[in-house]
Amino acid sequence: MNRSSAASAAFAGPLRRNSVNPRYFTDGTGKAIYLTGSHTWSNFKDFGAGDPPLPFDYDGYLDFLQSHNHNFFRLWTWELPYSAQNHLPAQRHTPFPWPRTGSTTATDGKPKFDLARFDQTYFDRLRQRVMLAGQRGIYVSVMLWDGFGPQFERSATDGFPFDAANNINGVSSSGVHSQNSTNPKVTEIQRAYARKVVDTLNDLDNVLFEIANEAGSYSTIWQYQMIDFVKRYEAGKPKQHPVGMTFQYSGGTDAALFRSIADWISPQDRAVLGNGMKVILNDTDHSYSWKQLKQDGQVAQQAWVWKAFTNGTNPLFMDPYLQSWTGRNDPTGREPDAYWETLRVALGRTKLYADKMNLNRAAPGPGLFSSRYGLANAVSKNGEYLGFLPGGGSITIDLSASRGILSVEWFNPTSGATTTGGTVTGGASRVFTAPFAGNAVVYARSVGPPSPPTNVALAPD
């Protein structure tokens, strides 16, 4: 395939942690880059009850992301060719990194895997999907492994490649043991696969890596080792990309993520505050279950997005998109379930303000905002304050560090309407009252020095 640099023409280099504001990534421009978006399970491997499953409409998916002003998604993978879940009909997943050319049959009824060779069509699809996203200005986190299937969905007919019944190479490993570094043959194959993924994508700028989705606490050392392996392998390549670690379900802790050498993490804490130790992608897949989202309702869903943004994190939504799921998602044909539009739209609207602000200088400032939710640049003469008001009403913002004139605007996160709020003088705490009901956002930024006093009587000498 053509590996022209034009494939990443929309980007100024791969992402790296921003040394000025390590809550965010940056690229060759030095500007802080805010990541937000939604992701769905079948955006890489085709996923469905058919044999083979129906192909995923990837171009339509990218259109969907762009229409919502999203600039990031996780590219999902699956370890089991066939799985039966309690909440969904039995599903097949394809393709896989290795060819199925064995003369005997695996437990899912297909030829066995040859783990000593790669199926190039898998990597061609991988590269094409990342490139197509890049042409839309979208960053992609490439998920290397899945931990959910090996933990919770193993069966006598799953075709799991590392099961001795499903490969011609004499490799034998149970599900979880493939992700705890106890089988040298498996680790060797995994490292070869990771090298192949890196080789396939290294020249592209819109790439991040994620070691595994929901591999449980048994995988901690393995994930640490794989993070280190990918980093060391890329160190000898032209480009280096961020490597992430997401919450370990089940049995994991957020502390294990923070202790890792990952560049970014997705913790379980829904209200985590960005403190600069890691770039935090606050993903509902780990921090806000769909049942809780539905129980809390759309107003709270919208509020969560703005709270996550003003906490200095990068919010993401695990979007069921076109997957029918009783109680969770009810798409109509090729139209996603409109119930989740409030959350999807909210993500894109936070990006409007991320693009407007100087995020290099912005930090969460719960002590500056009476609502406890706000981003502030309170150390520069060009001060900026973005406050979120859950439920609306009034907010007090400490503007002591900005002594000039600040322009004020109100943003209605429900309607998308912007309202001018006049100006205010800094130098003290000020009260702002939303001109509309419901969740509200206020944005104040410095526009000039204080106005000279007029009609002031001078004291006698």
Protein backbone atom coordinates (compact mmCIF):
# COMPACT_ATOMS: atom_id res chain seq x y z
CA MET A 1 0.00 0.00 0.00
CA ASN A 2 1.06 3.59 -0.60
CA ARG A 3 2.81 4.95 2.47
CA SER A 4 2.93 8.53 1.25
CA SER A 5 3.27 11.24 3.86
CA ALA A 6 0.10 12.70 2.33
CA ALA A 7 -1.77 10.12 4.42
CA SER A 8 -1.19 12.33 7.47
CA ALA A 9 -1.22 15.67 5.68
CA ALA A 10 -3.88 17.08 8.02
CA PHE A 11 -1.65 16.64 11.08
CA ALA A 12 1.51 18.36 12.24
CA GLY A 13 3.16 15.22 13.57
CA PRO A 14 2.18 12.44 15.98
CA LEU A 15 0.72 13.24 19.36
CA ARG A 16 2.91 13.50 22.42
CA ARG A 17 2.26 14.64 25.95
CA ASN A 18 2.20 18.41 26.14
CA SER A 19 5.08 19.61 28.31
CA VAL A 20 3.32 22.96 28.86
CA ASN A 21 0.02 21.42 29.95
CA PRO A 22 0.39 17.64 30.38
CA ARG A 23 -3.36 17.19 30.80
CA TYR A 24 -3.47 17.18 27.01
CA PHE A 25 -1.52 15.98 24.02
CA THR A 26 0.17 18.22 21.51
CA ASP A 27 1.61 17.78 18.03
CA GLY A 28 4.27 19.59 16.01
CA THR A 29 2.50 22.91 16.50
CA GLY A 30 2.90 22.89 20.27
CA LYS A 31 -0.82 23.59 20.69
CA ALA A 32 -2.77 21.57 23.25
CA ILE A 33 -5.05 19.06 21.54
CA TYR A 34 -8.32 18.05 23.18
CA LEU A 35 -9.65 14.61 22.24
CA THR A 36 -13.33 13.77 22.39
CA GLY A 37 -15.61 11.39 20.56
CA SER A 38 -17.56 8.17 20.50
CA HIS A 39 -16.64 4.62 19.56
CA THR A 40 -18.47 1.40 18.83
CA TRP A 41 -17.64 -2.30 18.93
CA SER A 42 -17.73 -3.16 15.22
CA ASN A 43 -15.69 -0.28 13.80
CA PHE A 44 -12.79 -2.59 12.87
CA LYS A 45 -13.77 -6.25 12.98
CA ASP A 46 -17.09 -7.06 11.41
CA PHE A 47 -19.38 -8.14 14.19
CA GLY A 48 -22.74 -9.90 13.92
CA ALA A 49 -24.82 -13.03 13.91
CA GLY A 50 -24.30 -13.84 10.22
CA ASP A 51 -21.60 -16.08 8.82
CA PRO A 52 -19.79 -14.06 7.71
CA PRO A 53 -21.17 -11.05 9.59
CA LEU A 54 -22.37 -8.12 7.52
CA PRO A 55 -19.59 -5.61 6.72
CA PHE A 56 -19.53 -2.42 8.76
CA ASP A 57 -20.28 0.84 6.92
CA TYR A 58 -17.06 2.57 7.87
CA ASP A 59 -17.47 5.60 5.61
CA GLY A 60 -20.92 6.18 7.06
CA TYR A 61 -19.46 5.90 10.55
CA LEU A 62 -16.84 8.55 9.80
CA ASP A 63 -19.58 10.80 8.40
CA PHE A 64 -21.46 10.30 11.67
CA LEU A 65 -18.43 11.26 13.77
CA GLN A 66 -17.70 14.34 11.70
CA SER A 67 -21.31 15.49 11.86
CA HIS A 68 -21.00 15.50 15.66
CA ASN A 69 -17.66 17.34 15.72
CA HIS A 70 -15.84 14.32 17.17
CA ASN A 71 -12.09 13.98 16.61
CA PHE A 72 -11.28 10.65 18.31
CA PHE A 73 -12.41 7.04 18.57
CA ARG A 74 -11.15 3.68 19.80
CA LEU A 75 -10.70 1.07 17.07
CA TRP A 76 -11.99 -2.13 18.62
CA THR A 77 -10.66 -5.67 18.42
CA TRP A 78 -11.91 -9.06 19.62
CA GLU A 79 -10.08 -12.22 20.66
CA LEU A 80 -12.84 -14.76 20.04
CA PRO A 81 -14.02 -15.63 16.52
CA TYR A 82 -17.37 -16.67 17.99
CA SER A 83 -19.01 -15.64 21.24
CA ALA A 84 -22.38 -16.04 22.90
CA GLN A 85 -23.27 -13.30 25.37
CA ASN A 86 -26.12 -13.10 27.81
CA HIS A 87 -27.30 -9.75 26.49
CA LEU A 88 -26.79 -10.25 22.75
CA PRO A 89 -27.35 -12.99 20.18
CA ALA A 90 -24.32 -15.13 19.35
CA GLN A 91 -21.77 -13.07 17.43
CA ARG A 92 -19.00 -13.81 14.94
CA HIS A 93 -15.97 -11.55 14.63
CA THR A 94 -13.69 -11.23 11.62
CA PRO A 95 -10.93 -10.74 10.39
CA PHE A 96 -7.99 -11.98 12.49
CA PRO A 97 -4.24 -11.32 12.20
CA TRP A 98 -3.40 -14.93 11.25
CA PRO A 99 -4.58 -17.03 8.29
CA ARG A 100 -7.00 -19.90 8.78
CA THR A 101 -5.32 -22.45 6.55
CA GLY A 102 -5.18 -25.55 8.70
CA SER A 103 -6.38 -28.80 7.13
CA THR A 104 -8.35 -29.62 10.26
CA THR A 105 -11.25 -27.75 11.84
CA ALA A 106 -11.25 -25.46 14.85
CA THR A 107 -14.03 -25.48 17.43
CA ASP A 108 -15.99 -22.76 15.62
CA GLY A 109 -16.22 -24.88 12.49
CA LYS A 110 -13.56 -22.95 10.52
CA PRO A 111 -10.01 -24.05 9.56
CA LYS A 112 -7.43 -23.76 12.32
CA PHE A 113 -5.16 -20.73 12.64
CA ASP A 114 -1.52 -20.70 11.61
CA LEU A 115 0.00 -18.46 14.28
CA ALA A 116 3.42 -18.49 12.58
CA ARG A 117 2.19 -16.36 9.67
CA PHE A 118 0.19 -13.17 9.24
CA ASP A 119 -2.86 -12.53 7.12
CA GLN A 120 -1.86 -9.33 5.31
CA THR A 121 -5.46 -8.41 4.53
CA TYR A 122 -5.99 -7.81 8.26
CA PHE A 123 -3.20 -5.25 8.39
CA ASP A 124 -4.25 -3.68 5.11
CA ARG A 125 -7.68 -3.05 6.58
CA LEU A 126 -6.11 -1.67 9.75
CA ARG A 127 -3.97 0.79 7.84
CA GLN A 128 -6.78 1.84 5.53
CA ARG A 129 -9.16 2.55 8.41
CA VAL A 130 -6.65 4.67 10.28
CA MET A 131 -5.76 6.55 7.10
CA LEU A 132 -9.40 7.23 6.21
CA ALA A 133 -10.00 8.60 9.70
CA GLY A 134 -6.90 10.76 9.35
CA GLN A 135 -8.25 12.27 6.16
CA ARG A 136 -11.19 13.49 8.28
CA GLY A 137 -8.92 14.94 10.98
CA ILE A 138 -9.79 12.14 13.42
CA TYR A 139 -7.37 10.43 15.82
CA VAL A 140 -7.62 6.66 16.30
CA SER A 141 -6.62 4.58 19.32
CA VAL A 142 -5.74 1.13 17.99
CA MET A 143 -6.77 -1.51 20.52
CA LEU A 144 -4.20 -4.30 20.41
CA TRP A 145 -6.04 -6.90 22.53
CA ASP A 146 -9.41 -7.53 24.13
CA GLY A 147 -9.69 -8.87 27.66
CA PHE A 148 -13.45 -9.18 28.01
CA GLY A 149 -13.89 -12.20 25.73
CA PRO A 150 -11.07 -14.32 27.21
CA GLN A 151 -12.39 -13.62 30.72
CA PHE A 152 -16.12 -13.94 30.33
CA GLU A 153 -17.06 -15.49 26.99
CA ARG A 154 -14.93 -18.62 26.53
CA SER A 155 -16.92 -21.60 25.26
CA ALA A 156 -16.41 -24.97 23.60
CA THR A 157 -17.18 -23.42 20.18
CA ASP A 158 -15.41 -20.04 20.37
CA GLY A 159 -12.43 -20.78 18.07
CA PHE A 160 -10.03 -18.89 20.40
CA PRO A 161 -6.71 -18.83 18.45
CA PHE A 162 -4.49 -19.65 21.44
CA ASP A 163 -6.49 -22.74 22.41
CA ALA A 164 -4.67 -25.90 21.34
CA ALA A 165 -7.79 -27.06 19.50
CA ASN A 166 -7.75 -24.01 17.25
CA ASN A 167 -4.19 -23.63 15.90
CA ILE A 168 -1.67 -25.82 14.07
CA ASN A 169 1.32 -24.55 16.05
CA GLY A 170 0.99 -26.47 19.30
CA VAL A 171 0.15 -23.32 21.27
CA SER A 172 -2.08 -23.96 24.27
CA SER A 173 -3.35 -21.24 26.56
CA SER A 174 -6.59 -20.52 28.35
CA GLY A 175 -8.13 -17.11 27.88
CA VAL A 176 -6.75 -15.16 30.82
CA HIS A 177 -3.41 -16.97 30.75
CA SER A 178 -2.78 -15.45 27.33
CA GLN A 179 -2.63 -12.06 29.06
CA ASN A 180 -0.48 -12.66 32.11
CA SER A 181 2.96 -13.46 30.61
CA THR A 182 2.93 -17.08 31.81
CA ASN A 183 3.19 -18.70 28.37
CA PRO A 184 6.39 -17.82 26.47
CA LYS A 185 5.02 -19.08 23.14
CA VAL A 186 1.98 -16.84 23.43
CA THR A 187 4.09 -13.85 24.45
CA GLU A 188 6.35 -14.39 21.44
CA ILE A 189 3.35 -14.41 19.10
CA GLN A 190 1.87 -11.35 20.77
CA ARG A 191 5.09 -9.41 20.40
CA ALA A 192 5.36 -10.35 16.74
CA TYR A 193 1.80 -9.10 16.25
CA ALA A 194 2.53 -5.84 18.09
CA ARG A 195 5.61 -5.26 15.91
CA LYS A 196 3.53 -5.88 12.79
CA VAL A 197 0.90 -3.36 13.93
CA VAL A 198 3.57 -0.75 14.64
CA ASP A 199 5.26 -1.38 11.30
CA THR A 200 1.89 -1.01 9.56
CA LEU A 201 1.02 2.33 11.18
CA ASN A 202 4.25 4.00 12.23
CA ASP A 203 4.33 6.65 9.51
CA LEU A 204 0.80 7.88 10.33
CA ASP A 205 0.32 10.77 12.71
CA ASN A 206 -3.24 10.16 13.92
CA VAL A 207 -2.39 6.98 15.85
CA LEU A 208 -2.52 6.08 19.52
CA PHE A 209 -2.19 2.58 20.95
CA GLU A 210 -4.22 0.89 23.68
CA ILE A 211 -2.87 -2.35 25.11
CA ALA A 212 -6.14 -4.07 26.01
CA ASN A 213 -9.78 -3.39 26.73
CA GLU A 214 -11.02 -4.77 30.05
CA ALA A 215 -8.28 -7.26 30.69
CA GLY A 216 -8.69 -7.87 34.44
CA SER A 217 -6.32 -7.34 37.32
CA TYR A 218 -4.49 -10.55 36.40
CA SER A 219 -3.06 -8.64 33.39
CA THR A 220 -1.27 -5.79 35.20
CA ILE A 221 2.31 -6.96 34.76
CA TRP A 222 1.62 -8.15 31.20
CA GLN A 223 0.15 -4.77 30.29
CA TYR A 224 3.10 -2.93 31.86
CA GLN A 225 5.47 -5.13 29.86
CA MET A 226 3.56 -4.61 26.62
CA ILE A 227 3.48 -0.83 27.10
CA ASP A 228 7.24 -0.92 27.56
CA PHE A 229 7.67 -3.26 24.57
CA VAL A 230 5.70 -1.02 22.19
CA LYS A 231 7.54 2.07 23.40
CA ARG A 232 10.96 0.47 23.02
CA TYR A 233 10.12 -0.90 19.58
CA GLU A 234 8.86 2.45 18.36
CA ALA A 235 11.91 4.21 19.78
CA GLY A 236 13.87 2.84 16.84
CA LYS A 237 11.26 4.00 14.32
CA PRO A 238 10.80 7.39 12.63
CA LYS A 239 7.77 8.24 14.77
CA GLN A 240 6.61 7.52 18.30
CA HIS A 241 2.96 7.41 19.36
CA PRO A 242 1.18 7.55 22.73
CA VAL A 243 0.47 4.22 24.41
CA GLY A 244 -2.49 3.90 26.76
CA MET A 245 -3.88 1.65 29.49
CA THR A 246 -7.58 1.44 30.28
CA PHE A 247 -9.38 0.31 33.41
CA GLN A 248 -8.92 -3.38 34.20
CA TYR A 249 -12.25 -5.09 34.47
CA SER A 250 -12.63 -6.93 36.68
CA GLY A 251 -10.63 -6.39 39.82
CA GLY A 252 -8.63 -3.40 38.62
CA THR A 253 -7.78 -0.14 40.34
CA ASP A 254 -7.17 3.35 39.03
CA ALA A 255 -3.94 3.37 41.02
CA ALA A 256 -2.55 0.65 38.75
CA LEU A 257 -3.14 2.90 35.75
CA PHE A 258 -1.42 5.89 37.33
CA ARG A 259 1.57 3.70 38.32
CA SER A 260 2.07 2.56 34.73
CA ILE A 261 4.34 4.21 32.16
CA ALA A 262 1.34 4.71 29.87
CA ASP A 263 1.03 8.12 28.26
CA TRP A 264 -2.75 8.12 28.66
CA ILE A 265 -5.24 6.25 30.80
CA SER A 266 -8.99 5.68 31.12
CA PRO A 267 -9.84 5.28 34.81
CA GLN A 268 -13.03 4.11 36.50
CA ASP A 269 -13.49 7.33 38.48
CA ARG A 270 -16.29 9.24 36.76
CA ALA A 271 -15.30 12.55 38.36
CA VAL A 272 -11.52 12.22 38.02
CA LEU A 273 -9.68 15.56 38.00
CA GLY A 274 -6.95 16.11 35.44
CA ASN A 275 -3.83 16.82 37.50
CA GLY A 276 -1.26 16.45 34.73
CA MET A 277 0.14 13.09 35.86
CA LYS A 278 -1.41 11.43 32.78
CA VAL A 279 -3.55 12.46 29.87
CA ILE A 280 -6.96 11.20 31.00
CA LEU A 281 -9.55 9.94 28.55
CA ASN A 282 -12.66 9.74 30.69
CA ASP A 283 -14.58 7.03 28.85
CA THR A 284 -18.12 5.97 29.74
CA ASP A 285 -17.04 2.44 28.82
CA HIS A 286 -15.18 2.38 32.12
CA SER A 287 -16.52 5.24 34.25
CA TYR A 288 -20.26 5.54 33.56
CA SER A 289 -22.21 2.38 32.73
CA TRP A 290 -25.08 2.58 30.27
CA LYS A 291 -27.56 1.53 32.93
CA GLN A 292 -26.45 4.38 35.17
CA LEU A 293 -26.51 6.80 32.24
CA LYS A 294 -30.09 5.85 31.50
CA GLN A 295 -31.09 6.00 35.14
CA ASP A 296 -29.63 9.50 35.49
CA GLY A 297 -31.21 10.79 32.27
CA GLN A 298 -30.19 13.06 29.43
CA VAL A 299 -29.79 16.27 31.43
CA ALA A 300 -27.28 14.52 33.71
CA GLN A 301 -25.56 12.94 30.70
CA GLN A 302 -25.01 16.36 29.16
CA ALA A 303 -23.79 17.70 32.50
CA TRP A 304 -21.31 14.85 32.87
CA VAL A 305 -19.67 15.74 29.54
CA TRP A 306 -19.17 19.37 30.56
CA LYS A 307 -18.00 18.39 34.03
CA ALA A 308 -15.40 16.03 32.53
CA PHE A 309 -14.22 18.75 30.15
CA THR A 310 -13.95 21.42 32.85
CA ASN A 311 -12.17 18.90 35.08
CA GLY A 312 -9.30 18.89 32.57
CA THR A 313 -10.03 15.48 31.06
CA ASN A 314 -11.01 14.25 27.58
CA PRO A 315 -14.53 12.69 27.65
CA LEU A 316 -15.54 9.74 25.44
CA PHE A 317 -18.77 7.83 24.88
CA MET A 318 -19.11 4.06 24.42
CA ASP A 319 -21.75 4.38 21.73
CA PRO A 320 -23.90 1.34 20.88
CA TYR A 321 -24.48 3.07 17.52
CA LEU A 322 -26.26 0.53 15.24
CA GLN A 323 -26.12 -2.46 17.60
CA SER A 324 -29.59 -3.46 18.80
CA TRP A 325 -29.54 -4.17 22.52
CA THR A 326 -32.70 -4.55 24.55
CA GLY A 327 -33.02 -1.75 27.07
CA ARG A 328 -29.85 -0.04 25.87
CA ASN A 329 -30.12 0.77 22.18
CA ASP A 330 -32.87 0.70 19.58
CA PRO A 331 -31.57 1.86 16.19
CA THR A 332 -33.96 2.15 13.25
CA GLY A 333 -32.43 0.63 10.13
CA ARG A 334 -29.20 2.57 9.58
CA GLU A 335 -30.23 5.36 11.95
CA PRO A 336 -28.67 5.33 15.44
CA ASP A 337 -30.94 5.51 18.46
CA ALA A 338 -31.76 9.21 18.96
CA TYR A 339 -31.85 8.74 22.74
CA TRP A 340 -28.08 9.07 22.88
CA GLU A 341 -27.94 12.25 20.78
CA THR A 342 -27.79 14.51 23.83
CA LEU A 343 -24.53 12.89 24.91
CA ARG A 344 -23.06 12.75 21.40
CA VAL A 345 -23.86 16.40 20.73
CA ALA A 346 -22.49 17.50 24.10
CA LEU A 347 -19.09 15.99 23.29
CA GLY A 348 -18.83 17.95 20.05
CA ARG A 349 -19.92 21.16 21.73
CA THR A 350 -17.19 20.96 24.35
CA LYS A 351 -14.72 20.78 21.46
CA LEU A 352 -16.01 24.16 20.23
CA TYR A 353 -14.68 25.73 23.42
CA ALA A 354 -11.55 23.59 23.54
CA ASP A 355 -10.72 25.00 20.10
CA LYS A 356 -11.59 28.55 21.19
CA MET A 357 -9.54 28.57 24.39
CA ASN A 358 -5.79 28.53 24.90
CA LEU A 359 -5.71 25.08 26.48
CA ASN A 360 -1.96 25.32 26.93
CA ARG A 361 -2.71 27.70 29.80
CA ALA A 362 -5.98 26.21 31.06
CA ALA A 363 -6.30 24.19 34.23
CA PRO A 364 -9.27 22.98 36.24
CA GLY A 365 -9.91 25.45 39.05
CA PRO A 366 -12.58 24.16 41.40
CA GLY A 367 -11.50 26.77 43.93
CA LEU A 368 -12.15 29.61 41.48
CA PHE A 369 -15.68 28.58 40.49
CA SER A 370 -18.53 28.32 42.99
CA SER A 371 -20.02 25.43 41.00
CA ARG A 372 -16.63 23.66 41.32
CA TYR A 373 -16.53 23.15 37.55
CA GLY A 374 -14.35 25.38 35.43
CA LEU A 375 -11.20 25.78 33.38
CA ALA A 376 -9.14 28.87 34.01
CA ASN A 377 -6.07 30.65 32.76
CA ALA A 378 -5.59 32.81 35.81
CA VAL A 379 -1.84 33.38 35.58
CA SER A 380 -1.63 35.18 32.25
CA LYS A 381 -2.57 38.75 31.38
CA ASN A 382 -4.79 37.19 28.72
CA GLY A 383 -7.01 35.51 31.30
CA GLU A 384 -9.74 33.03 30.35
CA TYR A 385 -12.44 31.48 32.50
CA LEU A 386 -14.87 28.80 31.35
CA GLY A 387 -17.43 27.91 33.99
CA PHE A 388 -20.10 25.23 33.96
CA LEU A 389 -23.34 25.70 35.88
CA PRO A 390 -25.12 22.35 36.43
CA GLY A 391 -28.79 23.26 36.35
CA GLY A 392 -28.10 26.92 35.57
CA GLY A 393 -28.71 29.81 37.95
CA SER A 394 -25.71 31.85 39.15
CA ILE A 395 -22.02 31.22 39.51
CA THR A 396 -19.31 33.18 41.30
CA ILE A 397 -15.92 33.23 39.58
CA ASP A 398 -12.77 34.55 41.24
CA LEU A 399 -11.28 36.95 38.68
CA SER A 400 -8.67 38.37 41.06
CA ALA A 401 -5.76 37.41 38.80
CA SER A 402 -7.20 39.25 35.78
CA ARG A 403 -7.39 42.99 36.41
CA GLY A 404 -8.48 44.18 33.01
CA ILE A 405 -11.73 44.06 31.10
CA LEU A 406 -13.16 40.64 30.23
CA SER A 407 -15.82 39.97 27.62
CA VAL A 408 -18.55 37.54 28.68
CA GLU A 409 -20.59 35.12 26.64
CA TRP A 410 -23.14 32.53 27.60
CA PHE A 411 -23.51 29.21 25.86
CA ASN A 412 -26.61 27.06 26.06
CA PRO A 413 -25.35 23.46 25.84
CA THR A 414 -28.85 22.22 25.04
CA SER A 415 -29.72 24.53 22.14
CA GLY A 416 -26.19 25.42 21.05
CA ALA A 417 -27.07 29.13 21.16
CA THR A 418 -24.54 31.77 22.22
CA THR A 419 -25.61 34.94 24.04
CA THR A 420 -23.47 38.02 24.60
CA GLY A 421 -23.03 38.82 28.27
CA GLY A 422 -21.34 42.21 28.01
CA THR A 423 -18.12 42.91 29.88
CA VAL A 424 -16.88 42.70 33.43
CA THR A 425 -13.85 44.09 35.23
CA GLY A 426 -11.51 41.61 36.85
CA GLY A 427 -9.62 42.00 40.10
CA ALA A 428 -12.24 40.41 42.36
CA SER A 429 -14.87 37.70 42.51
CA ARG A 430 -17.86 38.36 40.26
CA VAL A 431 -21.32 36.85 40.09
CA PHE A 432 -22.70 35.71 36.73
CA THR A 433 -26.35 34.74 36.24
CA ALA A 434 -27.41 32.59 33.31
CA PRO A 435 -29.95 34.28 30.98
CA PHE A 436 -31.72 30.96 30.34
CA ALA A 437 -32.86 27.93 32.32
CA GLY A 438 -31.05 24.61 32.58
CA ASN A 439 -27.40 23.64 32.23
CA ALA A 440 -25.31 26.66 31.28
CA VAL A 441 -21.76 27.59 30.29
CA VAL A 442 -20.18 31.00 30.81
CA TYR A 443 -16.98 32.10 29.10
CA ALA A 444 -15.05 35.21 30.12
CA ARG A 445 -11.80 36.31 28.52
CA SER A 446 -9.55 39.34 28.81
CA VAL A 447 -9.99 41.93 26.07
CA GLY A 448 -8.07 44.90 27.40
CA PRO A 449 -6.69 46.89 30.37
CA PRO A 450 -8.99 48.58 32.89
CA SER A 451 -10.75 51.71 31.59
CA PRO A 452 -9.39 54.98 32.99
CA PRO A 453 -11.56 56.53 35.71
CA THR A 454 -13.82 59.43 34.73
CA ASN A 455 -15.52 62.19 36.76
CA VAL A 456 -13.46 61.38 39.81
CA ALA A 457 -12.94 64.27 42.26
CA LEU A 458 -9.33 64.60 43.35
CA ALA A 459 -8.64 64.80 47.08
CA PRO A 460 -7.20 68.17 48.15
CA ASP A 461 -3.47 68.41 48.74
